[in-house]
Amino acid sequence: MSSRRSRSRQSGSSRITEEQISDLVSKLQDLLPEARLQSNARVPSARVLQETCNYIRSLHQEVDNLSERLSELLATTDMSSAQAAIIRSLLM
């Protein structure tokens, strides 16, 4: 056992246990769309974390794309039109 692990086990209840980490990784796996199909299978924690990072990156990209599309739509919309009112109500 490494000295880091032995120190963390001796430092008291403020440290997270391996069981808690495993439980958190399992919960994280359940949140991932790709992983839901595999939730009964044992997936390595590193893979779950990598999939989580990839999913977060894809969500960031989707937000950026939607923001750009919204900006383009607002630039071409008459701000006094009914369509602009709908867009404003969705943003509020």
PDB file of N, CA and C in Angstrom:
ATOM      1  N   MET A   1       0.840  -1.178   0.000  1.00  0.00           N
ATOM      2  CA  MET A   1       0.000   0.000   0.000  1.00  0.00           C
ATOM      3  C   MET A   1       0.882   1.237   0.000  1.00  0.00           C
ATOM      4  N   SER A   2       0.504   2.203  -0.797  1.00  0.00           N
ATOM      5  CA  SER A   2       1.298   3.421  -0.885  1.00  0.00           C
ATOM      6  C   SER A   2       1.139   4.246   0.384  1.00  0.00           C
ATOM      7  N   SER A   3       2.113   5.114   0.632  1.00  0.00           N
ATOM      8  CA  SER A   3       2.046   5.943   1.831  1.00  0.00           C
ATOM      9  C   SER A   3       0.883   6.926   1.743  1.00  0.00           C
ATOM     10  N   ARG A   4       0.535   7.340   0.525  1.00  0.00           N
ATOM     11  CA  ARG A   4      -0.594   8.262   0.355  1.00  0.00           C
ATOM     12  C   ARG A   4      -1.886   7.590   0.820  1.00  0.00           C
ATOM     13  N   ARG A   5      -2.088   6.348   0.410  1.00  0.00           N
ATOM     14  CA  ARG A   5      -3.295   5.640   0.822  1.00  0.00           C
ATOM     15  C   ARG A   5      -3.313   5.394   2.319  1.00  0.00           C
ATOM     16  N   SER A   6      -2.172   4.989   2.883  1.00  0.00           N
ATOM     17  CA  SER A   6      -2.152   4.714   4.311  1.00  0.00           C
ATOM     18  C   SER A   6      -2.395   5.993   5.107  1.00  0.00           C
ATOM     19  N   ARG A   7      -1.869   7.111   4.641  1.00  0.00           N
ATOM     20  CA  ARG A   7      -2.122   8.391   5.314  1.00  0.00           C
ATOM     21  C   ARG A   7      -3.586   8.770   5.203  1.00  0.00           C
ATOM     22  N   SER A   8      -4.191   8.543   4.035  1.00  0.00           N
ATOM     23  CA  SER A   8      -5.584   8.943   3.862  1.00  0.00           C
ATOM     24  C   SER A   8      -6.503   8.087   4.720  1.00  0.00           C
ATOM     25  N   ARG A   9      -6.165   6.843   4.930  1.00  0.00           N
ATOM     26  CA  ARG A   9      -6.997   5.992   5.773  1.00  0.00           C
ATOM     27  C   ARG A   9      -6.833   6.340   7.241  1.00  0.00           C
ATOM     28  N   GLN A  10      -5.688   6.848   7.609  1.00  0.00           N
ATOM     29  CA  GLN A  10      -5.433   7.179   9.007  1.00  0.00           C
ATOM     30  C   GLN A  10      -5.921   8.569   9.369  1.00  0.00           C
ATOM     31  N   SER A  11      -6.239   9.377   8.390  1.00  0.00           N
ATOM     32  CA  SER A  11      -6.539  10.783   8.671  1.00  0.00           C
ATOM     33  C   SER A  11      -7.955  11.015   9.177  1.00  0.00           C
ATOM     34  N   GLY A  12      -8.764   9.985   9.259  1.00  0.00           N
ATOM     35  CA  GLY A  12     -10.076  10.167   9.856  1.00  0.00           C
ATOM     36  C   GLY A  12     -11.200  10.104   8.860  1.00  0.00           C
ATOM     37  N   SER A  13     -12.367  10.453   9.334  1.00  0.00           N
ATOM     38  CA  SER A  13     -13.586  10.299   8.550  1.00  0.00           C
ATOM     39  C   SER A  13     -13.769  11.385   7.495  1.00  0.00           C
ATOM     40  N   SER A  14     -12.918  12.390   7.471  1.00  0.00           N
ATOM     41  CA  SER A  14     -13.074  13.457   6.489  1.00  0.00           C
ATOM     42  C   SER A  14     -12.674  13.008   5.086  1.00  0.00           C
ATOM     43  N   ARG A  15     -12.006  11.889   4.976  1.00  0.00           N
ATOM     44  CA  ARG A  15     -11.587  11.367   3.677  1.00  0.00           C
ATOM     45  C   ARG A  15     -12.689  10.511   3.071  1.00  0.00           C
ATOM     46  N   ILE A  16     -12.773  10.546   1.771  1.00  0.00           N
ATOM     47  CA  ILE A  16     -13.756   9.732   1.069  1.00  0.00           C
ATOM     48  C   ILE A  16     -13.206   8.314   0.921  1.00  0.00           C
ATOM     49  N   THR A  17     -14.062   7.339   1.104  1.00  0.00           N
ATOM     50  CA  THR A  17     -13.623   5.947   1.043  1.00  0.00           C
ATOM     51  C   THR A  17     -13.699   5.424  -0.384  1.00  0.00           C
ATOM     52  N   GLU A  18     -13.027   4.319  -0.620  1.00  0.00           N
ATOM     53  CA  GLU A  18     -13.073   3.693  -1.945  1.00  0.00           C
ATOM     54  C   GLU A  18     -14.499   3.271  -2.288  1.00  0.00           C
ATOM     55  N   GLU A  19     -15.235   2.850  -1.275  1.00  0.00           N
ATOM     56  CA  GLU A  19     -16.630   2.459  -1.489  1.00  0.00           C
ATOM     57  C   GLU A  19     -17.469   3.659  -1.916  1.00  0.00           C
ATOM     58  N   GLN A  20     -17.224   4.813  -1.289  1.00  0.00           N
ATOM     59  CA  GLN A  20     -17.948   6.031  -1.662  1.00  0.00           C
ATOM     60  C   GLN A  20     -17.588   6.455  -3.083  1.00  0.00           C
ATOM     61  N   ILE A  21     -16.316   6.354  -3.436  1.00  0.00           N
ATOM     62  CA  ILE A  21     -15.886   6.694  -4.798  1.00  0.00           C
ATOM     63  C   ILE A  21     -16.577   5.774  -5.793  1.00  0.00           C
ATOM     64  N   SER A  22     -16.599   4.492  -5.493  1.00  0.00           N
ATOM     65  CA  SER A  22     -17.244   3.525  -6.374  1.00  0.00           C
ATOM     66  C   SER A  22     -18.729   3.846  -6.539  1.00  0.00           C
ATOM     67  N   ASP A  23     -19.384   4.219  -5.437  1.00  0.00           N
ATOM     68  CA  ASP A  23     -20.799   4.578  -5.486  1.00  0.00           C
ATOM     69  C   ASP A  23     -21.015   5.839  -6.329  1.00  0.00           C
ATOM     70  N   LEU A  24     -20.141   6.828  -6.152  1.00  0.00           N
ATOM     71  CA  LEU A  24     -20.261   8.069  -6.927  1.00  0.00           C
ATOM     72  C   LEU A  24     -20.027   7.832  -8.415  1.00  0.00           C
ATOM     73  N   VAL A  25     -19.056   6.987  -8.741  1.00  0.00           N
ATOM     74  CA  VAL A  25     -18.788   6.662 -10.144  1.00  0.00           C
ATOM     75  C   VAL A  25     -19.986   5.936 -10.745  1.00  0.00           C
ATOM     76  N   SER A  26     -20.596   5.056  -9.972  1.00  0.00           N
ATOM     77  CA  SER A  26     -21.780   4.343 -10.442  1.00  0.00           C
ATOM     78  C   SER A  26     -22.935   5.315 -10.712  1.00  0.00           C
ATOM     79  N   LYS A  27     -23.129   6.271  -9.798  1.00  0.00           N
ATOM     80  CA  LYS A  27     -24.175   7.279  -9.998  1.00  0.00           C
ATOM     81  C   LYS A  27     -23.871   8.146 -11.211  1.00  0.00           C
ATOM     82  N   LEU A  28     -22.614   8.487 -11.382  1.00  0.00           N
ATOM     83  CA  LEU A  28     -22.199   9.276 -12.540  1.00  0.00           C
ATOM     84  C   LEU A  28     -22.465   8.507 -13.828  1.00  0.00           C
ATOM     85  N   GLN A  29     -22.169   7.224 -13.820  1.00  0.00           N
ATOM     86  CA  GLN A  29     -22.405   6.379 -14.987  1.00  0.00           C
ATOM     87  C   GLN A  29     -23.887   6.377 -15.356  1.00  0.00           C
ATOM     88  N   ASP A  30     -24.755   6.364 -14.355  1.00  0.00           N
ATOM     89  CA  ASP A  30     -26.194   6.381 -14.613  1.00  0.00           C
ATOM     90  C   ASP A  30     -26.655   7.671 -15.279  1.00  0.00           C
ATOM     91  N   LEU A  31     -25.917   8.754 -15.085  1.00  0.00           N
ATOM     92  CA  LEU A  31     -26.272  10.042 -15.676  1.00  0.00           C
ATOM     93  C   LEU A  31     -25.856  10.172 -17.135  1.00  0.00           C
ATOM     94  N   LEU A  32     -24.924   9.335 -17.562  1.00  0.00           N
ATOM     95  CA  LEU A  32     -24.416   9.425 -18.926  1.00  0.00           C
ATOM     96  C   LEU A  32     -25.332   8.692 -19.889  1.00  0.00           C
ATOM     97  N   PRO A  33     -25.749   9.352 -20.969  1.00  0.00           N
ATOM     98  CA  PRO A  33     -26.663   8.699 -21.918  1.00  0.00           C
ATOM     99  C   PRO A  33     -26.101   7.401 -22.493  1.00  0.00           C
ATOM    100  N   GLU A  34     -24.833   7.374 -22.862  1.00  0.00           N
ATOM    101  CA  GLU A  34     -24.239   6.181 -23.458  1.00  0.00           C
ATOM    102  C   GLU A  34     -24.106   5.064 -22.431  1.00  0.00           C
ATOM    103  N   ALA A  35     -23.920   5.425 -21.190  1.00  0.00           N
ATOM    104  CA  ALA A  35     -23.649   4.435 -20.151  1.00  0.00           C
ATOM    105  C   ALA A  35     -24.922   3.813 -19.588  1.00  0.00           C
ATOM    106  N   ARG A  36     -26.060   4.419 -19.799  1.00  0.00           N
ATOM    107  CA  ARG A  36     -27.299   3.871 -19.245  1.00  0.00           C
ATOM    108  C   ARG A  36     -27.562   2.467 -19.753  1.00  0.00           C
ATOM    109  N   LEU A  37     -27.199   2.228 -20.987  1.00  0.00           N
ATOM    110  CA  LEU A  37     -27.402   0.907 -21.553  1.00  0.00           C
ATOM    111  C   LEU A  37     -26.495  -0.124 -20.899  1.00  0.00           C
ATOM    112  N   GLN A  38     -25.368   0.328 -20.363  1.00  0.00           N
ATOM    113  CA  GLN A  38     -24.387  -0.566 -19.769  1.00  0.00           C
ATOM    114  C   GLN A  38     -24.415  -0.516 -18.243  1.00  0.00           C
ATOM    115  N   SER A  39     -25.452   0.038 -17.646  1.00  0.00           N
ATOM    116  CA  SER A  39     -25.429   0.282 -16.204  1.00  0.00           C
ATOM    117  C   SER A  39     -25.316  -1.001 -15.392  1.00  0.00           C
ATOM    118  N   ASN A  40     -25.734  -2.137 -15.947  1.00  0.00           N
ATOM    119  CA  ASN A  40     -25.607  -3.390 -15.208  1.00  0.00           C
ATOM    120  C   ASN A  40     -24.213  -3.987 -15.341  1.00  0.00           C
ATOM    121  N   ALA A  41     -23.474  -3.558 -16.356  1.00  0.00           N
ATOM    122  CA  ALA A  41     -22.134  -4.096 -16.587  1.00  0.00           C
ATOM    123  C   ALA A  41     -21.116  -3.326 -15.762  1.00  0.00           C
ATOM    124  N   ARG A  42     -20.054  -3.993 -15.407  1.00  0.00           N
ATOM    125  CA  ARG A  42     -18.959  -3.359 -14.666  1.00  0.00           C
ATOM    126  C   ARG A  42     -18.095  -2.599 -15.658  1.00  0.00           C
ATOM    127  N   VAL A  43     -18.064  -1.286 -15.513  1.00  0.00           N
ATOM    128  CA  VAL A  43     -17.266  -0.437 -16.389  1.00  0.00           C
ATOM    129  C   VAL A  43     -16.180   0.203 -15.524  1.00  0.00           C
ATOM    130  N   PRO A  44     -14.941   0.191 -15.997  1.00  0.00           N
ATOM    131  CA  PRO A  44     -13.862   0.798 -15.199  1.00  0.00           C
ATOM    132  C   PRO A  44     -14.134   2.278 -14.906  1.00  0.00           C
ATOM    133  N   SER A  45     -13.756   2.704 -13.711  1.00  0.00           N
ATOM    134  CA  SER A  45     -13.974   4.096 -13.293  1.00  0.00           C
ATOM    135  C   SER A  45     -13.327   5.073 -14.257  1.00  0.00           C
ATOM    136  N   ALA A  46     -12.141   4.748 -14.741  1.00  0.00           N
ATOM    137  CA  ALA A  46     -11.442   5.643 -15.670  1.00  0.00           C
ATOM    138  C   ALA A  46     -12.267   5.855 -16.933  1.00  0.00           C
ATOM    139  N   ARG A  47     -12.915   4.798 -17.406  1.00  0.00           N
ATOM    140  CA  ARG A  47     -13.741   4.929 -18.615  1.00  0.00           C
ATOM    141  C   ARG A  47     -14.971   5.792 -18.339  1.00  0.00           C
ATOM    142  N   VAL A  48     -15.589   5.610 -17.171  1.00  0.00           N
ATOM    143  CA  VAL A  48     -16.742   6.433 -16.809  1.00  0.00           C
ATOM    144  C   VAL A  48     -16.337   7.900 -16.743  1.00  0.00           C
ATOM    145  N   LEU A  49     -15.182   8.182 -16.139  1.00  0.00           N
ATOM    146  CA  LEU A  49     -14.710   9.566 -16.041  1.00  0.00           C
ATOM    147  C   LEU A  49     -14.388  10.145 -17.417  1.00  0.00           C
ATOM    148  N   GLN A  50     -13.791   9.334 -18.286  1.00  0.00           N
ATOM    149  CA  GLN A  50     -13.492   9.794 -19.645  1.00  0.00           C
ATOM    150  C   GLN A  50     -14.780  10.074 -20.419  1.00  0.00           C
ATOM    151  N   GLU A  51     -15.761   9.183 -20.297  1.00  0.00           N
ATOM    152  CA  GLU A  51     -17.043   9.402 -20.961  1.00  0.00           C
ATOM    153  C   GLU A  51     -17.731  10.651 -20.420  1.00  0.00           C
ATOM    154  N   THR A  52     -17.586  10.884 -19.123  1.00  0.00           N
ATOM    155  CA  THR A  52     -18.164  12.085 -18.519  1.00  0.00           C
ATOM    156  C   THR A  52     -17.527  13.343 -19.095  1.00  0.00           C
ATOM    157  N   CYS A  53     -16.215  13.345 -19.196  1.00  0.00           N
ATOM    158  CA  CYS A  53     -15.509  14.495 -19.785  1.00  0.00           C
ATOM    159  C   CYS A  53     -15.957  14.717 -21.228  1.00  0.00           C
ATOM    160  N   ASN A  54     -16.047  13.636 -21.994  1.00  0.00           N
ATOM    161  CA  ASN A  54     -16.482  13.749 -23.388  1.00  0.00           C
ATOM    162  C   ASN A  54     -17.907  14.289 -23.471  1.00  0.00           C
ATOM    163  N   TYR A  55     -18.772  13.812 -22.588  1.00  0.00           N
ATOM    164  CA  TYR A  55     -20.163  14.260 -22.589  1.00  0.00           C
ATOM    165  C   TYR A  55     -20.260  15.740 -22.233  1.00  0.00           C
ATOM    166  N   ILE A  56     -19.500  16.168 -21.242  1.00  0.00           N
ATOM    167  CA  ILE A  56     -19.502  17.586 -20.857  1.00  0.00           C
ATOM    168  C   ILE A  56     -18.986  18.452 -21.999  1.00  0.00           C
ATOM    169  N   ARG A  57     -17.924  17.982 -22.679  1.00  0.00           N
ATOM    170  CA  ARG A  57     -17.421  18.728 -23.849  1.00  0.00           C
ATOM    171  C   ARG A  57     -18.494  18.838 -24.927  1.00  0.00           C
ATOM    172  N   SER A  58     -19.219  17.739 -25.171  1.00  0.00           N
ATOM    173  CA  SER A  58     -20.258  17.778 -26.202  1.00  0.00           C
ATOM    174  C   SER A  58     -21.388  18.721 -25.794  1.00  0.00           C
ATOM    175  N   LEU A  59     -21.719  18.768 -24.502  1.00  0.00           N
ATOM    176  CA  LEU A  59     -22.741  19.704 -24.034  1.00  0.00           C
ATOM    177  C   LEU A  59     -22.288  21.150 -24.201  1.00  0.00           C
ATOM    178  N   HIS A  60     -21.018  21.419 -23.905  1.00  0.00           N
ATOM    179  CA  HIS A  60     -20.472  22.765 -24.115  1.00  0.00           C
ATOM    180  C   HIS A  60     -20.562  23.144 -25.594  1.00  0.00           C
ATOM    181  N   GLN A  61     -20.207  22.214 -26.459  1.00  0.00           N
ATOM    182  CA  GLN A  61     -20.262  22.475 -27.901  1.00  0.00           C
ATOM    183  C   GLN A  61     -21.701  22.735 -28.344  1.00  0.00           C
ATOM    184  N   GLU A  62     -22.628  21.958 -27.806  1.00  0.00           N
ATOM    185  CA  GLU A  62     -24.035  22.152 -28.148  1.00  0.00           C
ATOM    186  C   GLU A  62     -24.537  23.515 -27.685  1.00  0.00           C
ATOM    187  N   VAL A  63     -24.144  23.923 -26.484  1.00  0.00           N
ATOM    188  CA  VAL A  63     -24.526  25.248 -25.979  1.00  0.00           C
ATOM    189  C   VAL A  63     -23.943  26.337 -26.875  1.00  0.00           C
ATOM    190  N   ASP A  64     -22.678  26.188 -27.252  1.00  0.00           N
ATOM    191  CA  ASP A  64     -22.053  27.177 -28.145  1.00  0.00           C
ATOM    192  C   ASP A  64     -22.790  27.254 -29.478  1.00  0.00           C
ATOM    193  N   ASN A  65     -23.121  26.099 -30.041  1.00  0.00           N
ATOM    194  CA  ASN A  65     -23.831  26.075 -31.324  1.00  0.00           C
ATOM    195  C   ASN A  65     -25.213  26.708 -31.210  1.00  0.00           C
ATOM    196  N   LEU A  66     -25.924  26.382 -30.144  1.00  0.00           N
ATOM    197  CA  LEU A  66     -27.255  26.963 -29.958  1.00  0.00           C
ATOM    198  C   LEU A  66     -27.177  28.466 -29.707  1.00  0.00           C
ATOM    199  N   SER A  67     -26.165  28.903 -28.977  1.00  0.00           N
ATOM    200  CA  SER A  67     -25.989  30.340 -28.744  1.00  0.00           C
ATOM    201  C   SER A  67     -25.720  31.071 -30.052  1.00  0.00           C
ATOM    202  N   GLU A  68     -24.892  30.466 -30.890  1.00  0.00           N
ATOM    203  CA  GLU A  68     -24.596  31.070 -32.185  1.00  0.00           C
ATOM    204  C   GLU A  68     -25.845  31.126 -33.058  1.00  0.00           C
ATOM    205  N   ARG A  69     -26.608  30.048 -33.068  1.00  0.00           N
ATOM    206  CA  ARG A  69     -27.846  30.035 -33.862  1.00  0.00           C
ATOM    207  C   ARG A  69     -28.831  31.074 -33.351  1.00  0.00           C
ATOM    208  N   LEU A  70     -28.925  31.203 -32.024  1.00  0.00           N
ATOM    209  CA  LEU A  70     -29.828  32.193 -31.441  1.00  0.00           C
ATOM    210  C   LEU A  70     -29.383  33.605 -31.795  1.00  0.00           C
ATOM    211  N   SER A  71     -28.099  33.857 -31.741  1.00  0.00           N
ATOM    212  CA  SER A  71     -27.581  35.180 -32.112  1.00  0.00           C
ATOM    213  C   SER A  71     -27.915  35.500 -33.562  1.00  0.00           C
ATOM    214  N   GLU A  72     -27.728  34.520 -34.440  1.00  0.00           N
ATOM    215  CA  GLU A  72     -28.053  34.720 -35.855  1.00  0.00           C
ATOM    216  C   GLU A  72     -29.544  34.980 -36.041  1.00  0.00           C
ATOM    217  N   LEU A  73     -30.355  34.224 -35.306  1.00  0.00           N
ATOM    218  CA  LEU A  73     -31.804  34.400 -35.410  1.00  0.00           C
ATOM    219  C   LEU A  73     -32.215  35.776 -34.918  1.00  0.00           C
ATOM    220  N   LEU A  74     -31.655  36.199 -33.799  1.00  0.00           N
ATOM    221  CA  LEU A  74     -31.998  37.513 -33.266  1.00  0.00           C
ATOM    222  C   LEU A  74     -31.523  38.636 -34.184  1.00  0.00           C
ATOM    223  N   ALA A  75     -30.404  38.421 -34.862  1.00  0.00           N
ATOM    224  CA  ALA A  75     -29.881  39.448 -35.766  1.00  0.00           C
ATOM    225  C   ALA A  75     -30.765  39.624 -36.993  1.00  0.00           C
ATOM    226  N   THR A  76     -31.483  38.583 -37.351  1.00  0.00           N
ATOM    227  CA  THR A  76     -32.313  38.654 -38.559  1.00  0.00           C
ATOM    228  C   THR A  76     -33.800  38.838 -38.251  1.00  0.00           C
ATOM    229  N   THR A  77     -34.128  38.966 -36.967  1.00  0.00           N
ATOM    230  CA  THR A  77     -35.536  39.069 -36.574  1.00  0.00           C
ATOM    231  C   THR A  77     -35.889  40.504 -36.223  1.00  0.00           C
ATOM    232  N   ASP A  78     -37.039  40.929 -36.682  1.00  0.00           N
ATOM    233  CA  ASP A  78     -37.575  42.232 -36.280  1.00  0.00           C
ATOM    234  C   ASP A  78     -37.927  42.130 -34.797  1.00  0.00           C
ATOM    235  N   MET A  79     -37.248  42.887 -33.966  1.00  0.00           N
ATOM    236  CA  MET A  79     -37.394  42.763 -32.522  1.00  0.00           C
ATOM    237  C   MET A  79     -38.786  43.138 -32.015  1.00  0.00           C
ATOM    238  N   SER A  80     -39.615  43.711 -32.856  1.00  0.00           N
ATOM    239  CA  SER A  80     -40.978  44.040 -32.435  1.00  0.00           C
ATOM    240  C   SER A  80     -41.982  42.991 -32.916  1.00  0.00           C
ATOM    241  N   SER A  81     -41.506  41.970 -33.592  1.00  0.00           N
ATOM    242  CA  SER A  81     -42.409  40.951 -34.137  1.00  0.00           C
ATOM    243  C   SER A  81     -42.854  39.959 -33.068  1.00  0.00           C
ATOM    244  N   ALA A  82     -43.863  39.183 -33.411  1.00  0.00           N
ATOM    245  CA  ALA A  82     -44.370  38.141 -32.513  1.00  0.00           C
ATOM    246  C   ALA A  82     -43.294  37.076 -32.284  1.00  0.00           C
ATOM    247  N   GLN A  83     -42.510  36.790 -33.327  1.00  0.00           N
ATOM    248  CA  GLN A  83     -41.437  35.801 -33.200  1.00  0.00           C
ATOM    249  C   GLN A  83     -40.399  36.256 -32.180  1.00  0.00           C
ATOM    250  N   ALA A  84     -40.060  37.520 -32.184  1.00  0.00           N
ATOM    251  CA  ALA A  84     -39.101  38.061 -31.215  1.00  0.00           C
ATOM    252  C   ALA A  84     -39.673  37.993 -29.812  1.00  0.00           C
ATOM    253  N   ALA A  85     -40.964  38.229 -29.664  1.00  0.00           N
ATOM    254  CA  ALA A  85     -41.592  38.135 -28.354  1.00  0.00           C
ATOM    255  C   ALA A  85     -41.528  36.715 -27.818  1.00  0.00           C
ATOM    256  N   ILE A  86     -41.728  35.751 -28.672  1.00  0.00           N
ATOM    257  CA  ILE A  86     -41.629  34.336 -28.268  1.00  0.00           C
ATOM    258  C   ILE A  86     -40.206  34.019 -27.834  1.00  0.00           C
ATOM    259  N   ILE A  87     -39.239  34.479 -28.594  1.00  0.00           N
ATOM    260  CA  ILE A  87     -37.828  34.230 -28.252  1.00  0.00           C
ATOM    261  C   ILE A  87     -37.498  34.861 -26.913  1.00  0.00           C
ATOM    262  N   ARG A  88     -37.938  36.101 -26.717  1.00  0.00           N
ATOM    263  CA  ARG A  88     -37.685  36.781 -25.437  1.00  0.00           C
ATOM    264  C   ARG A  88     -38.326  36.019 -24.278  1.00  0.00           C
ATOM    265  N   SER A  89     -39.551  35.540 -24.465  1.00  0.00           N
ATOM    266  CA  SER A  89     -40.223  34.808 -23.380  1.00  0.00           C
ATOM    267  C   SER A  89     -39.514  33.503 -23.047  1.00  0.00           C
ATOM    268  N   LEU A  90     -38.903  32.866 -24.048  1.00  0.00           N
ATOM    269  CA  LEU A  90     -38.162  31.640 -23.806  1.00  0.00           C
ATOM    270  C   LEU A  90     -36.854  31.901 -23.065  1.00  0.00           C
ATOM    271  N   LEU A  91     -36.278  33.068 -23.271  1.00  0.00           N
ATOM    272  CA  LEU A  91     -35.011  33.402 -22.633  1.00  0.00           C
ATOM    273  C   LEU A  91     -35.176  33.883 -21.199  1.00  0.00           C
ATOM    274  N   MET A  92     -36.376  34.271 -20.841  1.00  0.00           N
ATOM    275  CA  MET A  92     -36.623  34.790 -19.481  1.00  0.00           C
ATOM    276  C   MET A  92     -36.864  33.667 -18.508  1.00  0.00           C
TER     277      MET A  92
END
